[in-house]
Amino acid sequence: MKKNIFENDKLIYIFLSILFVLTIQIFDHYRGNAAHLIHSIKFFDTNKLENDWIANQAHHLPLFAEFNYFLIKFFSVKIIYFIHSLLLGLCAFFLFLISKSLFPKLKSRYLCITWFALFIILFHENSFFSGVAGQSVIDVGYQPASFGVLFFVGVYYFLIDKYFLSILFICLGASFHPTYVLHSGFFISGILAFNFISKDYLRFFRNLFSYIFLIFPITIFIIINFMMIDKSLMTIGQNIMFDRISHHADIHQWLSYKDGIFLLTYFISLYIIRDNRRFFIFFLVFGFCSISISIIQYFIESKTLALAFPWRSSVFLAPLSSIIIISYLLEKLSFKESIIKFISFFLIILTSISFGYKSHFIKNSKKAFQEKLELSKSIKKNFDKIDRILTPTNLDYVRMYSGLPIFIDWKHHAFRLDQLIEWKKRIDLTNKFYGSKNIEDQKTQLKEIQKIEYISHILINKDKLEIDCNNLINHEVFALVNASDCY
C-alpha cells in the first residue's frame, strides 16, 4: 500500500513539473545562444554551414555538439523543444525533491501543490531565480548552460547519500557546458568539507578520486584546445573577450543593489537550514568559494579570473536559496487542511493559467521573432546561388535560419582567445563597410573583406544601397545583392 502511495506522489510531482513547463513559451530552436548548434548541424545536406568561419573555429562544447547532432540526425531539429522542456521539468522536479528532503512536511500533497504554484511565480518573476551578472541556470531558450540543471540533480543525490550519482551529474553538467567546471569544483568542495568534518576520510578520498576521474576528460580537452596558445595572443584575446562580454565579466559594471538582495537571500537560507548539518556545510562551502573569489576579483581586477566567472555559482545558489525560504514558510503554515487545500488549488490554477496566458498570448515573443525570420526565408529562396553573405553584425539569426555561411556577426564570437583576434578584425571590417558614407568607401572596405574570405552576396539596408542594383529579395528594409555584379 505504501508503495502505491509513493508512486502516486511521484506522478503528482511529475504532473506539476509538466504543468510548470506548459506555462513557458520556449524560444525557437536556433534563437539566441542555441546558435551553438551550428557545430551539430553543419554537416547536414540541408545547409552550407560547413563553409562558415565560426563553424570551423575551435569550440568548447564537444559533448553538447555531439549529443545534439545525433538527436537531430535521428529525429529532427524539433527534438530540441522536447530536450529543453525535459530540462525545465527536471529543474522544477529536482528542486522540489531537494525542498522535500530538507522540509519533510512538503510530503503533504496540498503543500506540494502550493510549492509548485509559488515556483511558477518564482521562475517567471525571475529576480529571485536568476543569479548575478544577468545569468540564469535555465530560461526560455535552449543553450549549453541549460544543462546546469543537472547540478540540482546532484544536490538531491548528495542529500540522500548517493555520492557517486551526485558527482556524476555535476560532472555531466560541466561537460555539457565547461564554464561550469570551476563551479563543479566549488560543489565538490562542499561535499568534501562535509566528509572531512564528519571524519569520514574513506568517503572523502573516494569522492575526491571519483570527481577527478569524471571531470578529467572535459578539463584536459579545455586545457589542450584553449590554453596552450602564445601568451601575447592570449592577452590580446582576453582583452577582446572581456570587452565583448563585459556585462557578464566586469564585476564593476554589473554589480548593483540587486546583488545585495541575492546575498541577503543566500544568508537567510543558510540560517534557516543551520540545523541540517549535511546541507548547511555543503551549501556554506559552495557559496563561500564563489563569493570569496568574486570579492577578490573585485579588488585585483584580473581579466583571467574575471573570464572564469567565479560568480556564476549564483545561478545555482539563487534558486536553491529561494526555494529554501519558500519551503520553510510553507512548512510553518498552521491552517486547517481544508483551507490549505483551497489555497493550493486556487494558486496552482491561478498561476498556471495567468503565466501560461501571458507567455503564450500576451508576450508571445515567438510570434514577434517569426516576423524577423521573414528575412531569412527570403534569403533562403536564393540558397543555390549564394556561397557566403556579408550581413550587418547585429543580424545574428540569418546564418542559422537561412542555412548559409555569413562573414561574421556580433553575438556568436570565437571562443579560443587567439581566434578572437580574427573575429574582432572581421567585426571591425564589417562595421566599416556598413558605416561607409559613399560607394567608393564601400568598395574599399569590401576589397579588404574579400582578401580574408570570398563574399558572393551582400545584405544591406535599402537606404544605404548607393547604386542601382538587382535586389534578390522582397523585403521592406533590406536588399540582397550580388557582390560581383554591384561592387
Foldseek 3Di string as FASTA:
>chain_A
DVVVLVVVLLVLLLVLLLLLLLLAQAADCCPDQSVVLLLQCCPPPVFPSVPFPLNPFDDLAPPQNPVQNVVCVVPNSCVLVVVLSVLSSLLSSLLVLLLCLLQVVCSPSLLVLQLSLVVSVCQVVVLLQAFFLPGACGHRYDHLSSLCSLQSVLSNCVSVVNLLSSLLSQLVSCNRPVLCLVLSVLLLVLQLQLCVVVVVVVVSVVSVVSNCVSNVPSVVVCCVRFVPDDPVLLVQLLVLVCVLSVSQQVCVVGDDVSNVVQVVLLVVLLVLSVVVSSVNSSSVSSVCQLVVLVVVCNPVVDSVSSVSRSRNSRSVSSNSSVSSVVSVVSSPDDDDPVVSNVVSVVSSVVSSVVSSCCNCPVPNVNVVVVVVCVVLVQVLVCRVQFAEEEEQQDPVCNCPSSSHHYQHHSSSARDRSSRNVVRVVSNVLSCQLLPDPAPVSNVVSVVVSVVVPNGQKYKHFPVPLHDDFDFSGDDDTIGIGGPVVRD
